[in-house]
Every structure is written in C-alpha cells, then in structure tokens.
Amino acid sequence: MLSHMVYFTLKDSSDEACQKLVDAGQKFLKPHDGIQFFAVGRVAPEFERPVNDRDFHVALHVVFDTKESHDVYQVSANHLAFIQQGKDNWEHVRVFDAYVD
C-alpha cells in the first residue's frame, strides 16, 4: 500500500478557510478507486509536545492499495479541481509518500 500524506499551511487560516479545505477534500478526493483509507482534518491544538510538528493547518491522509491507484488519482479531474479551487490559499504544502503494510 502507498500512504500519501499532505500537510497544508494556509495563508488565511481562519476557521472558515480551514473548514472549506476539509470540505473540499471530502468532496473531491475521497471518492476515488483504490483508496483503502481516507481522512482529512485540522491540526489538533492540544498536542504541543516538543516533538509535535505544528506547522500546518489541515492534514490529508490517503492510503492507496497500489502505486498505480495513486498515479491515476494524481491526474484525475477531481484531484485537479481540488487543487484549482484551493491553491490560492495555500502558503506551503508538504507531501509525504511512503510504502506501508
């Protein structure tokens, strides 16, 4: 399986802007073939240990059954629409891909 984790730092990090990105993730990214696990949400404010990286506002976690499913997702109309709708408010995006069991 391929774990695709994306962390968004937003220019406008208001409650409304964060929720808009979460909602867009649910609408555009969740319904794809090959997804084994999907979650999108906001940074958890209560975790402030020295080891916690808090340099993001919204996190997206998608686990695909195969690399090929991930590759199809990357160029899908829904994924491209998600990017188009949100990119103007993205200050920084970090992507972590890893093979997991």
Protein backbone atom coordinates (compact mmCIF):
# COMPACT_ATOMS: atom_id res chain seq x y z
CA MET A 1 0.00 0.00 0.00
CA LEU A 2 1.05 3.60 -0.56
CA SER A 3 0.44 6.19 2.15
CA HIS A 4 0.03 9.72 0.76
CA MET A 5 0.12 12.37 3.49
CA VAL A 6 -0.28 16.06 2.67
CA TYR A 7 0.04 18.95 5.14
CA PHE A 8 -1.35 22.36 4.17
CA THR A 9 -0.25 25.66 5.70
CA LEU A 10 -2.81 28.27 4.72
CA LYS A 11 -2.50 31.99 4.07
CA ASP A 12 -5.94 32.51 5.62
CA SER A 13 -6.12 30.02 8.49
CA SER A 14 -9.49 31.16 9.82
CA ASP A 15 -11.98 28.52 10.96
CA GLU A 16 -13.97 29.10 7.79
CA ALA A 17 -10.98 28.70 5.47
CA CYS A 18 -9.79 25.54 7.20
CA GLN A 19 -13.28 24.02 7.08
CA LYS A 20 -13.58 24.94 3.39
CA LEU A 21 -10.42 22.95 2.63
CA VAL A 22 -11.60 19.99 4.71
CA ASP A 23 -14.96 20.02 2.92
CA ALA A 24 -13.28 20.23 -0.49
CA GLY A 25 -11.12 17.23 0.40
CA GLN A 26 -14.21 15.22 1.32
CA LYS A 27 -16.00 16.26 -1.86
CA PHE A 28 -13.23 15.94 -4.44
CA LEU A 29 -10.67 13.49 -3.06
CA LYS A 30 -12.50 10.84 -1.10
CA PRO A 31 -14.42 9.18 -3.95
CA HIS A 32 -11.52 7.54 -5.84
CA ASP A 33 -10.93 3.93 -6.77
CA GLY A 34 -8.15 2.21 -4.90
CA ILE A 35 -8.43 4.19 -1.65
CA GLN A 36 -8.11 1.94 1.39
CA PHE A 37 -8.23 4.75 3.96
CA PHE A 38 -9.13 8.43 3.71
CA ALA A 39 -9.09 11.18 6.33
CA VAL A 40 -8.83 14.96 6.25
CA GLY A 41 -8.92 17.32 9.20
CA ARG A 42 -7.42 20.21 11.14
CA VAL A 43 -4.36 20.28 13.36
CA ALA A 44 -5.14 19.05 16.87
CA PRO A 45 -4.49 22.08 19.11
CA GLU A 46 -3.97 20.14 22.34
CA PHE A 47 -0.80 18.37 21.17
CA GLU A 48 2.05 20.77 21.93
CA ARG A 49 4.89 18.43 22.87
CA PRO A 50 8.39 19.37 21.65
CA VAL A 51 8.24 16.53 19.10
CA ASN A 52 4.96 17.70 17.52
CA ASP A 53 5.31 19.48 14.18
CA ARG A 54 2.52 22.06 14.18
CA ASP A 55 3.49 23.95 11.05
CA PHE A 56 0.24 23.17 9.23
CA HIS A 57 -3.47 23.87 9.45
CA VAL A 58 -5.04 20.95 7.55
CA ALA A 59 -3.81 17.37 7.11
CA LEU A 60 -4.85 14.90 4.41
CA HIS A 61 -4.13 11.18 4.75
CA VAL A 62 -4.90 8.79 1.91
CA VAL A 63 -3.77 5.18 1.73
CA PHE A 64 -3.95 3.60 -1.73
CA ASP A 65 -3.98 -0.10 -2.50
CA THR A 66 -1.26 0.34 -5.14
CA LYS A 67 1.09 2.94 -6.58
CA GLU A 68 -0.92 2.72 -9.79
CA SER A 69 -4.11 3.81 -7.98
CA HIS A 70 -2.18 6.76 -6.57
CA ASP A 71 -0.89 7.68 -10.02
CA VAL A 72 -4.42 7.67 -11.51
CA TYR A 73 -5.63 9.81 -8.57
CA GLN A 74 -2.89 12.40 -9.17
CA VAL A 75 -4.13 13.23 -12.69
CA SER A 76 -7.86 12.73 -12.07
CA ALA A 77 -10.32 15.54 -12.80
CA ASN A 78 -11.41 15.63 -9.13
CA HIS A 79 -7.85 15.97 -7.82
CA LEU A 80 -7.09 18.73 -10.32
CA ALA A 81 -10.36 20.51 -9.37
CA PHE A 82 -9.38 20.30 -5.68
CA ILE A 83 -6.03 21.92 -6.45
CA GLN A 84 -7.57 24.61 -8.64
CA GLN A 85 -10.18 25.51 -6.01
CA GLY A 86 -7.77 25.74 -3.09
CA LYS A 87 -4.27 26.62 -4.30
CA ASP A 88 -4.64 30.39 -3.98
CA ASN A 89 -4.89 30.00 -0.19
CA TRP A 90 -2.00 27.53 0.17
CA GLU A 91 1.10 29.13 1.61
CA HIS A 92 3.01 25.87 1.90
CA VAL A 93 2.22 22.25 1.04
CA ARG A 94 4.29 19.31 2.22
CA VAL A 95 3.75 15.84 0.76
CA PHE A 96 5.00 12.59 2.30
CA ASP A 97 4.62 9.33 0.38
CA ALA A 98 5.60 6.01 1.93
CA TYR A 99 5.01 2.34 1.26
CA VAL A 100 3.26 0.83 4.27
CA ASP A 101 1.95 -2.59 5.31
